[in-house]
Protein backbone atom coordinates (compact mmCIF):
# COMPACT_ATOMS: atom_id res chain seq x y z
CA MET A 1 -48.55 7.06 -36.66
CA ILE A 2 -45.39 8.08 -34.75
CA ASP A 3 -42.18 6.05 -35.35
CA THR A 4 -41.05 5.33 -31.76
CA THR A 5 -37.65 4.17 -32.83
CA THR A 6 -36.71 7.60 -34.10
CA VAL A 7 -38.66 10.01 -31.90
CA LEU A 8 -38.15 8.29 -28.52
CA GLY A 9 -34.84 6.66 -29.22
CA TYR A 10 -35.98 3.04 -29.00
CA SER A 11 -34.38 0.25 -30.96
CA GLU A 12 -36.47 -1.95 -33.25
CA ARG A 13 -34.57 -4.88 -31.79
CA SER A 14 -36.40 -7.16 -29.26
CA LYS A 15 -35.54 -6.83 -25.56
CA ALA A 16 -36.55 -10.51 -25.06
CA THR A 17 -34.28 -11.72 -27.84
CA THR A 18 -31.44 -9.63 -26.48
CA PHE A 19 -31.99 -11.07 -22.94
CA ILE A 20 -32.17 -14.66 -24.09
CA LEU A 21 -28.97 -14.30 -26.15
CA CYS A 22 -27.27 -12.75 -23.17
CA ILE A 23 -28.34 -15.54 -20.87
CA LEU A 24 -27.23 -18.25 -23.23
CA PHE A 25 -24.14 -16.79 -24.82
CA GLY A 26 -23.38 -13.71 -22.75
CA GLU A 27 -19.86 -14.75 -21.74
CA ILE A 28 -18.73 -14.09 -25.31
CA GLY A 29 -21.14 -11.22 -26.01
CA VAL A 30 -23.33 -12.79 -28.88
CA HIS A 31 -26.12 -10.39 -27.94
CA ASP A 32 -23.93 -7.57 -29.21
CA ILE A 33 -23.87 -9.13 -32.66
CA TYR A 34 -27.70 -9.13 -32.64
CA LEU A 35 -27.60 -5.40 -31.82
CA GLY A 36 -24.94 -4.52 -34.42
CA ARG A 37 -22.13 -3.89 -32.01
CA ILE A 38 -19.42 -5.93 -33.67
CA GLY A 39 -16.42 -4.18 -32.15
CA LEU A 40 -17.76 -4.66 -28.61
CA PHE A 41 -18.48 -8.29 -29.43
CA ILE A 42 -14.88 -8.93 -30.48
CA ALA A 43 -13.61 -7.32 -27.26
CA LYS A 44 -15.94 -9.48 -25.16
CA ALA A 45 -15.13 -12.64 -26.98
CA LEU A 46 -11.44 -12.13 -26.57
CA THR A 47 -11.64 -11.31 -22.81
CA GLY A 48 -14.51 -13.62 -21.77
CA ASN A 49 -16.79 -10.58 -21.39
CA PHE A 50 -14.18 -8.85 -19.31
CA GLY A 51 -13.76 -11.65 -16.84
CA GLY A 52 -17.50 -12.29 -16.42
CA ILE A 53 -18.11 -8.81 -14.87
CA GLY A 54 -19.46 -7.59 -18.27
CA TYR A 55 -21.94 -10.39 -18.36
CA ILE A 56 -23.56 -9.23 -15.10
CA VAL A 57 -23.50 -5.63 -16.07
CA ASP A 58 -25.10 -6.42 -19.42
CA LEU A 59 -27.93 -8.41 -17.77
CA ILE A 60 -28.69 -5.56 -15.42
CA LEU A 61 -28.67 -2.97 -18.21
CA ILE A 62 -30.97 -5.15 -20.37
CA ILE A 63 -33.45 -5.76 -17.50
CA THR A 64 -33.61 -2.04 -16.66
CA ASN A 65 -34.09 -0.99 -20.35
CA ARG A 66 -30.71 0.84 -20.54
CA TYR A 67 -28.86 -1.45 -22.99
CA LYS A 68 -28.37 0.26 -26.39
CA ASP A 69 -27.95 -0.84 -30.03
CA GLU A 70 -25.38 0.27 -32.52
CA SER A 71 -27.18 3.56 -33.11
CA GLY A 72 -27.46 4.39 -29.38
CA ARG A 73 -31.15 3.60 -29.18
CA ARG A 74 -32.45 1.85 -26.03
CA VAL A 75 -33.56 -1.77 -26.33
CA ALA A 76 -36.88 -1.85 -24.50
CA SER A 77 -39.96 -4.00 -24.28
CA LYS A 78 -42.92 -3.46 -26.62
CA LYS A 79 -45.00 -2.43 -23.69
CA LEU A 80 -42.66 0.42 -22.80
CA LYS A 81 -42.44 1.56 -26.42
CA GLU A 82 -46.24 1.52 -26.79
CA LYS A 83 -46.76 3.33 -23.44
CA ASN A 84 -44.62 6.25 -24.64
CA LEU A 85 -46.75 6.85 -27.77
């Protein structure tokens, strides 16, 4: 079996969990803690996610499967990961 997280660059983190964390706590960047991006979380928490603009950008990136974890792997839905097997 092919490991999609390595070969295709997909994170093992859940897109749904990332999205829900962003909706609920996106203004301070809690979803970045979940993805292991601690430095970015600190910057977002101190600036209110860059005045709220970062919150909107993050939501768009998550929805379009372009948001990445700490290793630079895309956070995508299971369906997309399985489709690319």
